[in-house]
Protein backbone atom coordinates (compact mmCIF):
# COMPACT_ATOMS: atom_id res chain seq x y z
CA MET A 1 0.00 0.00 0.00
CA GLU A 2 2.88 2.36 0.76
CA LEU A 3 4.40 1.55 -2.60
CA SER A 4 1.08 2.36 -4.29
CA GLN A 5 0.84 5.67 -2.43
CA SER A 6 4.42 6.53 -3.37
CA LYS A 7 3.70 5.78 -7.01
CA LYS A 8 0.62 8.00 -6.91
CA GLU A 9 2.62 10.90 -5.46
CA LYS A 10 5.23 10.44 -8.17
CA ASN A 11 2.53 10.54 -10.86
CA ASN A 12 1.11 13.72 -9.33
CA LYS A 13 4.51 15.34 -9.59
CA ILE A 14 4.83 14.33 -13.22
CA ILE A 15 1.47 15.89 -13.99
CA LYS A 16 2.11 19.14 -12.13
CA MET A 17 5.62 19.86 -13.39
CA PRO A 18 4.56 21.31 -16.77
CA LYS A 19 2.13 23.63 -15.02
CA GLU A 20 4.90 25.01 -12.85
CA GLY A 21 7.11 25.52 -15.90
CA ILE A 22 4.52 27.71 -17.65
CA LYS A 23 3.40 30.02 -14.88
CA ILE A 24 0.67 32.40 -16.03
CA PRO A 25 0.25 35.64 -14.03
CA HIS A 26 -2.89 36.19 -12.00
CA THR A 27 -5.86 37.52 -13.99
CA LEU A 28 -5.75 40.81 -12.10
CA VAL A 29 -2.08 41.25 -13.01
CA ILE A 30 -2.85 40.67 -16.71
CA ILE A 31 -5.73 43.17 -16.65
CA MET A 32 -3.65 45.85 -14.91
CA ALA A 33 -0.88 45.35 -17.48
CA ILE A 34 -3.41 45.90 -20.29
CA ILE A 35 -4.76 49.03 -18.57
CA LEU A 36 -1.20 50.42 -18.37
CA LEU A 37 -0.54 49.60 -22.04
CA VAL A 38 -3.76 51.34 -23.12
CA SER A 39 -2.93 54.35 -20.95
CA ILE A 40 0.50 54.61 -22.62
CA ALA A 41 -1.23 54.43 -26.02
CA THR A 42 -3.34 57.48 -25.10
CA TYR A 43 -0.17 59.60 -25.28
CA PHE A 44 0.47 58.58 -28.89
CA VAL A 45 -2.95 57.91 -30.43
CA PRO A 46 -4.78 61.16 -31.28
CA GLY A 47 -8.33 61.68 -30.08
CA GLY A 48 -11.20 61.38 -32.53
CA ALA A 49 -14.97 61.06 -32.74
CA TYR A 50 -17.75 60.15 -35.16
CA LYS A 51 -21.07 61.98 -35.18
CA THR A 52 -24.03 59.86 -34.14
CA VAL A 53 -27.73 59.83 -35.08
CA VAL A 54 -30.79 57.89 -33.98
CA ASN A 55 -32.11 55.68 -36.80
CA GLU A 56 -35.71 54.64 -37.50
CA ALA A 57 -35.41 51.70 -35.11
CA GLY A 58 -34.43 54.05 -32.28
CA LYS A 59 -30.82 52.88 -32.24
CA THR A 60 -27.95 55.34 -31.94
CA ILE A 61 -25.53 54.73 -34.82
CA VAL A 62 -22.46 56.53 -36.13
CA VAL A 63 -22.56 58.55 -39.35
CA ASP A 64 -20.12 57.19 -41.93
CA GLY A 65 -17.68 59.85 -43.11
CA SER A 66 -18.30 62.07 -40.10
CA PHE A 67 -15.04 61.32 -38.30
CA GLU A 68 -13.12 64.30 -36.91
CA TYR A 69 -9.97 64.48 -34.85
CA VAL A 70 -10.47 66.04 -31.43
CA LYS A 71 -8.13 67.17 -28.70
CA ASN A 72 -6.15 64.30 -27.24
CA GLN A 73 -6.69 63.48 -23.55
CA PRO A 74 -3.76 61.38 -22.30
CA GLN A 75 -4.52 59.32 -19.19
CA ASN A 76 -1.91 59.89 -16.49
CA LEU A 77 -1.17 57.50 -13.65
CA PHE A 78 -3.70 59.08 -11.31
CA LYS A 79 -6.47 58.71 -13.91
CA VAL A 80 -5.38 55.16 -14.60
CA LEU A 81 -5.69 54.29 -10.91
CA GLN A 82 -9.21 55.69 -10.93
CA SER A 83 -10.32 53.56 -13.89
CA PRO A 84 -10.77 50.26 -11.97
CA ILE A 85 -12.85 52.07 -9.35
CA GLN A 86 -14.98 53.63 -12.08
CA GLY A 87 -15.16 50.19 -13.68
CA ILE A 88 -16.59 48.72 -10.49
CA VAL A 89 -19.14 51.57 -10.36
CA ASP A 90 -20.10 51.11 -14.03
CA GLY A 91 -20.24 47.35 -13.57
CA ALA A 92 -22.35 47.61 -10.41
CA GLU A 93 -25.30 45.86 -12.07
CA ILE A 94 -23.46 42.71 -13.09
CA ILE A 95 -21.46 42.74 -9.82
CA ALA A 96 -24.66 43.00 -7.75
CA PHE A 97 -26.05 40.19 -9.88
CA LEU A 98 -23.06 38.02 -9.00
CA PHE A 99 -23.48 38.64 -5.27
CA VAL A 100 -27.22 37.91 -5.33
CA VAL A 101 -26.96 34.79 -7.52
CA GLY A 102 -23.97 33.50 -5.53
CA GLY A 103 -25.80 34.05 -2.25
CA ALA A 104 -29.12 32.65 -3.47
CA PHE A 105 -27.52 29.55 -4.97
CA ASN A 106 -25.58 28.84 -1.78
CA LEU A 107 -28.83 29.16 0.12
CA ILE A 108 -30.45 26.58 -2.18
CA SER A 109 -27.36 24.37 -1.86
CA ALA A 110 -27.64 24.47 1.92
CA THR A 111 -30.88 22.47 1.63
CA LYS A 112 -28.95 19.65 -0.21
CA SER A 113 -31.75 19.51 -2.80
CA ILE A 114 -29.46 20.07 -5.79
CA ASP A 115 -27.01 17.45 -4.54
CA PHE A 116 -29.74 14.83 -4.30
CA GLY A 117 -31.16 15.83 -7.71
CA ILE A 118 -27.72 15.50 -9.29
CA ILE A 119 -27.28 12.03 -7.82
CA LYS A 120 -30.57 10.98 -9.45
CA VAL A 121 -29.41 12.30 -12.85
CA VAL A 122 -26.02 10.61 -12.47
CA ASN A 123 -27.67 7.29 -11.68
CA LEU A 124 -30.00 7.71 -14.67
CA PHE A 125 -27.07 8.25 -17.07
CA LYS A 126 -24.67 5.85 -15.37
CA GLY A 127 -22.29 4.44 -17.98
CA LYS A 128 -23.47 6.86 -20.66
CA GLU A 129 -22.63 10.21 -19.04
CA ILE A 130 -20.94 11.43 -22.22
CA LEU A 131 -24.34 11.64 -23.95
CA LEU A 132 -25.33 14.58 -21.76
CA ILE A 133 -22.60 16.79 -23.23
CA PRO A 134 -23.85 16.98 -26.86
CA ILE A 135 -27.48 17.24 -25.69
CA ILE A 136 -26.82 20.16 -23.32
CA THR A 137 -24.30 21.89 -25.61
CA PHE A 138 -26.61 21.88 -28.65
CA ILE A 139 -29.57 23.12 -26.59
CA PHE A 140 -27.60 26.10 -25.26
CA SER A 141 -26.08 26.81 -28.67
CA LEU A 142 -29.53 26.83 -30.22
CA GLY A 143 -30.63 29.31 -27.55
CA GLY A 144 -27.75 31.62 -28.51
CA ALA A 145 -28.51 31.26 -32.22
CA ILE A 146 -32.26 31.88 -32.02
CA PHE A 147 -32.83 34.45 -29.28
CA GLY A 148 -29.34 35.60 -28.33
CA MET A 149 -29.05 33.58 -25.14
CA SER A 150 -25.98 34.75 -23.25
CA GLU A 151 -26.57 36.26 -19.80
CA GLU A 152 -28.93 33.39 -19.01
CA SER A 153 -25.97 30.99 -19.01
CA VAL A 154 -24.96 32.46 -15.65
CA ALA A 155 -28.19 31.16 -14.12
CA PHE A 156 -27.79 27.66 -15.55
CA ILE A 157 -24.17 27.24 -14.55
CA THR A 158 -25.18 27.15 -10.90
CA ILE A 159 -26.89 23.84 -11.64
CA LEU A 160 -24.54 22.35 -14.23
CA ALA A 161 -21.32 23.01 -12.30
CA PRO A 162 -22.05 20.45 -9.55
CA LEU A 163 -23.65 18.11 -12.13
CA ALA A 164 -20.44 18.08 -14.20
CA LEU A 165 -18.42 17.16 -11.10
CA ALA A 166 -20.83 14.40 -10.14
CA LEU A 167 -20.57 12.96 -13.67
CA GLY A 168 -16.80 12.65 -13.24
CA TYR A 169 -15.84 15.74 -15.25
CA ASP A 170 -14.64 19.15 -14.03
CA SER A 171 -15.82 22.74 -13.64
CA ILE A 172 -14.36 23.71 -17.03
CA ILE A 173 -16.84 21.32 -18.68
CA ALA A 174 -19.67 23.10 -16.87
CA VAL A 175 -18.62 26.50 -18.26
CA ALA A 176 -18.11 24.95 -21.70
CA MET A 177 -21.59 23.38 -21.83
CA THR A 178 -23.22 26.70 -20.90
CA ASN A 179 -21.24 29.84 -21.67
CA LEU A 180 -19.16 28.41 -24.52
CA ALA A 181 -22.21 26.68 -26.03
CA CYS A 182 -24.23 29.92 -25.94
CA THR A 183 -21.33 31.77 -27.54
CA LEU A 184 -21.04 29.20 -30.34
CA GLY A 185 -24.69 29.80 -31.19
CA PHE A 186 -24.49 33.56 -30.63
CA SER A 187 -21.49 33.86 -32.96
CA SER A 188 -23.01 31.92 -35.86
CA ALA A 189 -26.62 32.86 -35.21
CA MET A 190 -29.24 32.71 -37.91
CA LEU A 191 -32.03 34.48 -35.97
CA ASN A 192 -30.38 36.38 -33.09
CA PRO A 193 -32.26 39.72 -33.00
CA PHE A 194 -29.53 41.44 -30.96
CA THR A 195 -26.78 40.84 -33.52
CA VAL A 196 -28.03 39.62 -36.90
CA GLY A 197 -31.29 41.59 -36.65
CA ILE A 198 -29.67 44.91 -35.72
CA ALA A 199 -26.67 44.52 -38.04
CA GLN A 200 -28.81 43.62 -41.06
CA SER A 201 -31.22 46.50 -40.42
CA ILE A 202 -28.30 48.96 -40.28
CA ALA A 203 -26.77 47.43 -43.42
CA GLY A 204 -30.10 47.73 -45.24
CA LEU A 205 -30.58 43.97 -45.68
CA PRO A 206 -33.84 42.00 -45.38
CA MET A 207 -34.24 40.86 -41.77
CA PHE A 208 -32.67 37.42 -41.17
CA SER A 209 -31.77 36.96 -44.83
CA GLY A 210 -28.97 34.47 -45.62
CA ILE A 211 -30.40 32.08 -43.03
CA LYS A 212 -29.46 28.87 -44.91
CA TYR A 213 -25.72 29.54 -45.01
CA ARG A 214 -25.75 30.78 -41.40
CA THR A 215 -27.53 27.60 -40.30
CA ILE A 216 -24.83 25.47 -41.95
CA ILE A 217 -22.17 27.53 -40.18
CA TRP A 218 -24.01 27.20 -36.85
CA PHE A 219 -24.19 23.41 -37.15
CA ILE A 220 -20.52 23.05 -38.12
CA THR A 221 -19.15 25.35 -35.39
CA THR A 222 -21.40 23.84 -32.72
CA THR A 223 -20.35 20.33 -33.76
CA ILE A 224 -16.67 21.30 -33.60
CA GLY A 225 -17.15 22.88 -30.17
CA THR A 226 -19.07 19.86 -28.90
CA LEU A 227 -16.40 17.42 -30.10
CA PHE A 228 -13.69 19.56 -28.48
CA ILE A 229 -15.57 19.46 -25.16
CA MET A 230 -16.26 15.71 -25.41
CA ILE A 231 -12.64 14.80 -26.19
CA TYR A 232 -11.49 16.79 -23.15
CA ALA A 233 -14.27 15.27 -21.01
CA ILE A 234 -13.20 11.72 -21.93
CA LYS A 235 -9.60 12.53 -20.94
CA VAL A 236 -10.67 14.03 -17.61
CA LYS A 237 -12.94 11.06 -16.93
CA LYS A 238 -9.98 8.68 -17.40
CA ASN A 239 -7.53 10.80 -15.41
CA PRO A 240 -9.14 13.61 -13.33
CA GLU A 241 -5.71 14.90 -12.29
CA ILE A 242 -5.01 16.35 -15.75
CA SER A 243 -7.73 18.93 -15.14
CA PRO A 244 -6.30 22.45 -14.52
CA VAL A 245 -8.87 22.85 -11.71
CA TYR A 246 -8.42 19.38 -10.19
CA GLU A 247 -7.45 20.54 -6.68
CA SER A 248 -10.32 23.01 -6.23
CA ASP A 249 -12.81 20.60 -7.81
CA GLN A 250 -11.86 17.86 -5.38
CA ILE A 251 -13.13 19.96 -2.48
CA LYS A 252 -16.47 20.51 -4.23
CA ARG A 253 -16.68 16.87 -5.33
CA ASN A 254 -16.14 15.65 -1.75
CA GLY A 255 -19.19 17.66 -0.71
CA ILE A 256 -21.32 15.92 -3.34
CA ASN A 257 -19.92 12.49 -2.46
CA SER A 258 -20.77 13.03 1.23
CA VAL A 259 -24.43 13.36 0.26
CA GLU A 260 -24.41 10.28 -1.98
CA GLY A 261 -24.62 8.00 1.03
CA GLU A 262 -27.84 9.74 2.09
CA GLN A 263 -29.88 8.86 -1.01
CA GLY A 264 -32.74 7.58 1.13
CA ASP A 265 -33.23 11.10 2.50
CA PHE A 266 -34.41 12.56 -0.83
CA THR A 267 -37.53 14.06 0.69
CA LEU A 268 -40.64 15.77 -0.64
CA ALA A 269 -39.11 19.09 0.45
CA HIS A 270 -36.06 18.45 -1.77
CA LYS A 271 -38.32 17.66 -4.72
CA LEU A 272 -40.38 20.82 -4.17
CA ILE A 273 -37.21 22.94 -4.06
CA LEU A 274 -35.97 21.43 -7.33
CA LEU A 275 -39.40 22.01 -8.89
CA THR A 276 -39.28 25.64 -7.73
CA LEU A 277 -35.82 26.01 -9.26
CA ALA A 278 -37.00 24.50 -12.57
CA VAL A 279 -40.01 26.82 -12.65
CA SER A 280 -37.72 29.81 -11.96
CA ILE A 281 -35.51 28.91 -14.93
CA GLY A 282 -38.65 28.79 -17.07
CA ILE A 283 -39.73 32.18 -15.74
CA ILE A 284 -36.31 33.64 -16.56
CA VAL A 285 -36.39 32.34 -20.16
CA TRP A 286 -39.98 33.55 -20.61
CA GLY A 287 -39.16 36.91 -19.04
CA VAL A 288 -36.15 37.47 -21.30
CA LEU A 289 -38.09 36.56 -24.44
CA GLN A 290 -41.44 38.16 -23.66
CA LYS A 291 -40.97 40.81 -20.99
CA GLY A 292 -37.47 42.11 -21.61
CA PHE A 293 -36.03 40.75 -18.36
CA TRP A 294 -32.50 41.92 -17.73
CA ILE A 295 -29.97 41.44 -14.95
CA PRO A 296 -32.04 43.00 -12.08
CA GLN A 297 -35.12 40.91 -12.91
CA ILE A 298 -33.13 37.67 -13.30
CA ALA A 299 -31.37 38.33 -9.98
CA ALA A 300 -34.73 39.03 -8.31
CA VAL A 301 -36.08 35.66 -9.50
CA PHE A 302 -33.03 33.89 -8.06
CA LEU A 303 -33.34 35.74 -4.76
CA CYS A 304 -36.99 34.72 -4.56
CA VAL A 305 -36.12 31.07 -5.26
CA GLY A 306 -33.40 31.18 -2.62
CA LEU A 307 -35.79 32.46 0.04
CA ILE A 308 -38.53 29.98 -0.90
CA SER A 309 -35.99 27.14 -0.84
CA GLY A 310 -34.80 28.14 2.62
CA ILE A 311 -38.35 28.16 3.92
CA ILE A 312 -39.27 24.81 2.32
CA GLY A 313 -35.97 23.34 3.55
CA LYS A 314 -36.84 24.47 7.09
CA LEU A 315 -33.68 26.52 7.53
CA SER A 316 -33.76 29.06 10.35
CA THR A 317 -33.55 32.75 9.45
CA ASP A 318 -29.98 32.88 10.77
CA GLU A 319 -28.99 29.82 8.72
CA MET A 320 -30.50 31.42 5.62
CA ALA A 321 -28.66 34.70 6.24
CA ASN A 322 -25.32 32.98 6.87
CA ALA A 323 -25.68 30.78 3.78
CA PHE A 324 -26.50 33.79 1.62
CA ILE A 325 -23.55 35.83 2.89
CA GLU A 326 -21.17 32.88 2.50
CA GLY A 327 -22.26 32.45 -1.12
CA ALA A 328 -21.91 36.16 -1.85
CA LYS A 329 -18.39 36.14 -0.36
CA GLY A 330 -17.30 33.65 -3.01
CA MET A 331 -18.13 36.21 -5.71
CA ILE A 332 -15.79 38.94 -4.41
CA GLY A 333 -12.87 37.86 -6.61
CA PRO A 334 -14.84 37.67 -9.88
CA ALA A 335 -16.59 40.96 -9.04
CA ILE A 336 -13.27 42.78 -8.63
CA ILE A 337 -11.95 41.30 -11.90
CA ILE A 338 -15.07 42.46 -13.78
CA GLY A 339 -14.65 45.99 -12.43
CA PHE A 340 -10.95 46.13 -13.29
CA ALA A 341 -11.58 44.72 -16.78
CA ARG A 342 -14.07 47.51 -17.42
CA GLY A 343 -11.28 49.91 -16.48
CA ILE A 344 -9.57 49.06 -19.81
CA MET A 345 -12.52 50.42 -21.77
CA ILE A 346 -12.85 53.45 -19.49
CA VAL A 347 -9.23 54.50 -20.13
CA ALA A 348 -9.75 54.22 -23.90
CA GLU A 349 -13.09 56.06 -23.81
CA ASN A 350 -11.81 58.89 -21.61
CA ALA A 351 -8.94 59.45 -24.03
CA SER A 352 -11.34 59.36 -27.05
CA ILE A 353 -9.12 56.94 -28.96
CA ILE A 354 -11.61 54.16 -29.83
CA ASP A 355 -13.13 56.06 -32.79
CA THR A 356 -9.66 57.05 -33.98
CA ILE A 357 -8.55 53.42 -34.04
CA LEU A 358 -11.72 52.39 -35.88
CA TYR A 359 -11.28 55.17 -38.45
CA ASN A 360 -7.68 54.26 -39.24
CA LEU A 361 -8.45 50.56 -39.44
CA SER A 362 -11.25 51.26 -41.91
CA LYS A 363 -8.84 53.32 -44.05
CA LEU A 364 -6.45 50.36 -44.10
CA ILE A 365 -9.18 47.99 -45.34
CA GLY A 366 -10.15 50.37 -48.14
CA HIS A 367 -6.84 49.83 -49.96
CA LEU A 368 -6.90 46.02 -50.01
CA PRO A 369 -8.27 43.43 -52.49
CA PRO A 370 -11.79 42.16 -51.57
CA LEU A 371 -10.90 38.78 -50.06
CA LEU A 372 -7.89 40.12 -48.15
CA ALA A 373 -10.00 43.02 -46.87
CA ALA A 374 -12.63 40.51 -45.69
CA TYR A 375 -9.96 38.51 -43.85
CA LEU A 376 -8.67 41.64 -42.13
CA MET A 377 -12.13 42.81 -41.10
CA PHE A 378 -12.47 39.71 -38.92
CA PRO A 379 -9.59 40.38 -36.46
CA ILE A 380 -10.46 44.09 -36.55
CA GLN A 381 -13.95 43.24 -35.35
CA MET A 382 -12.41 41.06 -32.62
CA PHE A 383 -10.17 43.93 -31.56
CA ILE A 384 -13.16 46.27 -31.29
CA ASN A 385 -15.05 43.61 -29.33
CA PHE A 386 -12.37 43.74 -26.64
CA PHE A 387 -13.44 47.31 -25.85
CA VAL A 388 -17.11 47.28 -26.94
CA ASN A 389 -18.41 43.97 -25.61
CA SER A 390 -22.10 44.51 -26.28
CA GLY A 391 -23.17 42.92 -29.58
CA SER A 392 -25.86 45.50 -30.33
CA SER A 393 -23.59 48.43 -29.40
CA GLN A 394 -20.82 47.05 -31.57
CA ALA A 395 -23.21 46.70 -34.51
CA ALA A 396 -24.28 50.33 -34.06
CA LEU A 397 -20.64 51.44 -33.93
CA THR A 398 -19.10 49.46 -36.78
CA MET A 399 -21.80 48.52 -39.31
CA PRO A 400 -22.48 52.10 -40.53
CA ILE A 401 -18.76 52.35 -41.36
CA LEU A 402 -17.88 48.83 -42.54
CA ALA A 403 -21.02 48.16 -44.63
CA PRO A 404 -20.47 51.00 -47.15
CA LEU A 405 -16.71 50.41 -46.96
CA GLY A 406 -17.34 46.80 -47.97
CA ASP A 407 -19.31 48.05 -50.98
CA LEU A 408 -16.29 50.03 -52.13
CA VAL A 409 -13.87 47.09 -51.95
CA GLY A 410 -16.29 44.47 -53.29
CA ILE A 411 -17.46 42.76 -50.07
CA SER A 412 -21.20 42.05 -49.98
CA ARG A 413 -23.13 43.52 -47.05
CA GLN A 414 -24.30 40.03 -46.11
CA LEU A 415 -20.68 38.95 -45.74
CA THR A 416 -19.87 42.11 -43.78
CA VAL A 417 -22.62 41.21 -41.29
CA LEU A 418 -21.27 37.65 -41.03
CA ILE A 419 -17.74 38.95 -40.34
CA TYR A 420 -19.19 41.23 -37.66
CA GLN A 421 -20.91 38.20 -36.09
CA PHE A 422 -17.69 36.19 -36.02
CA GLY A 423 -15.62 39.04 -34.57
CA ASP A 424 -18.21 40.00 -32.00
CA GLY A 425 -19.03 36.47 -30.89
CA PHE A 426 -16.30 33.87 -30.60
CA SER A 427 -13.84 36.18 -28.84
CA ASN A 428 -16.31 36.61 -25.96
CA THR A 429 -14.95 33.33 -24.60
CA ILE A 430 -11.42 34.70 -24.22
CA PHE A 431 -11.71 38.41 -23.38
CA PRO A 432 -11.76 39.35 -19.67
CA THR A 433 -13.87 42.37 -20.63
CA SER A 434 -16.82 39.99 -21.13
CA GLY A 435 -18.85 40.32 -17.95
CA VAL A 436 -20.89 37.20 -18.70
CA LEU A 437 -17.76 35.05 -19.14
CA MET A 438 -16.20 36.34 -15.93
CA ALA A 439 -19.47 35.78 -14.06
CA CYS A 440 -19.70 32.17 -15.29
CA LEU A 441 -16.07 31.48 -14.40
CA GLY A 442 -16.59 33.04 -10.99
CA ILE A 443 -19.63 30.95 -10.15
CA ALA A 444 -17.98 27.75 -11.44
CA GLY A 445 -14.77 28.56 -9.58
CA VAL A 446 -12.57 28.43 -12.69
CA PRO A 447 -9.63 30.89 -12.72
CA TYR A 448 -9.60 33.00 -15.90
CA THR A 449 -5.97 32.14 -16.72
CA LYS A 450 -6.69 28.39 -16.57
CA TRP A 451 -9.79 28.81 -18.73
CA LEU A 452 -7.79 30.85 -21.25
CA LYS A 453 -5.16 28.13 -21.55
CA TRP A 454 -7.91 25.55 -22.14
CA ILE A 455 -9.94 27.56 -24.68
CA ILE A 456 -7.09 28.89 -26.88
CA PRO A 457 -6.74 25.69 -29.01
CA LEU A 458 -10.47 25.78 -29.79
CA GLN A 459 -10.26 29.48 -30.60
CA ILE A 460 -7.51 28.76 -33.14
CA ILE A 461 -9.63 26.03 -34.74
CA LEU A 462 -12.68 28.31 -34.90
CA PHE A 463 -10.61 31.18 -36.32
CA VAL A 464 -9.40 28.96 -39.16
CA CYS A 465 -12.96 27.75 -39.76
CA CYS A 466 -14.22 31.34 -39.91
CA ILE A 467 -11.59 32.20 -42.52
CA GLY A 468 -12.88 29.21 -44.49
CA PHE A 469 -16.51 30.36 -44.16
CA ILE A 470 -15.55 33.88 -45.27
CA THR A 471 -13.65 32.48 -48.26
CA VAL A 472 -16.56 30.31 -49.39
CA ALA A 473 -19.05 33.16 -48.97
CA SER A 474 -16.82 35.47 -51.02
CA LEU A 475 -16.20 32.93 -53.78
CA ILE A 476 -19.87 32.02 -54.24
CA GLY A 477 -20.90 35.68 -54.16
CA TRP A 478 -23.14 35.21 -51.10
CA ALA A 479 -25.42 38.21 -50.76
């Protein structure tokens, strides 16, 4: 037995050595470095601004050809130090959402209802756990493709994170099946009103035209993403220690395993709590689609479910309060990172350099052959997405400029919209300025740097695929 233990320790060392050799700085360190780089750029990049107008749909868009240079406003060190604080203030809504959801979910978890429900699902899929991954991934991707599902993934990850662990996978799989899946659909959407709808209306195209080619792209990218997740899941299932979050997941997994021996205690109260949670998810989806629910409303639903769960689970008021606070505490790190990440955009906005960068990039495209210009528009759109993370806002900022520019160089407006989709969407799984991504990682307990290392290979594959889709669309004259 001692020999076996010694061998296990040796194997652990072999697994961990590569990780120690490639030490990635803390997420906060990376974000602060980017803030400093952007602040240095404000001393060299001149200020500039486009004029804006409100179109027939009530959206504020920029006027093509209206760019003017304005007085530069370099951001000194004192202003730079203020940007993360302002970022926390500006990101108060998503940060408050994190605290409420984290607290409410911990309150629900305190009743052990989710643990017992997960055990039932695990037993149901015993020996065929891998089947859950394509089912869940395609459902979430379809949600992103049809109605722009994105923020809702934060709500679902509270359920799927412990489920993934119970199935023998890790927390990265949980984020992949929710946030990544939504992003795959969002990026190649055929009906998303917040991206395709707005972009096509600005470009003067029939609403949701080109749906057949977009559907093919959606299916291919979602299939690639699903296979990537499944291959990783199979590896983790065979050897859990290869997971970048193995140590932290073990603590969570032990909590689930401790409940497994109490299967006989799956009471009516537990079932009622799970039913309440399922109904709440339905209310959130309905509210987003029909009533325009946003972060405050979704958080309110979760808070309500948390309180109802505590009452049904017969927790005392003090137990409910302590569980809520403990859950909210776990969101402090992600909340700070979200605020600091917003500081990057604040520095660039205060210096008025975003429009200047966009203007000069558009001038560069105008002198290139059609296909090469189309290729370049893709990373440009990704670059803009780093600073302007809202899909609808990005459409309003770039489409009035890039659509007519595409006409001049021979790129169809339909292809311009597709390039915008690609640039706006896929990169949301790697940029720390994405509040939804950071919220999902925070709730799942996955460090951003470890997620980034895991997702980069898929991003490279998707980037190459997008270049292929752009090439085909250009060659067949897709319009």
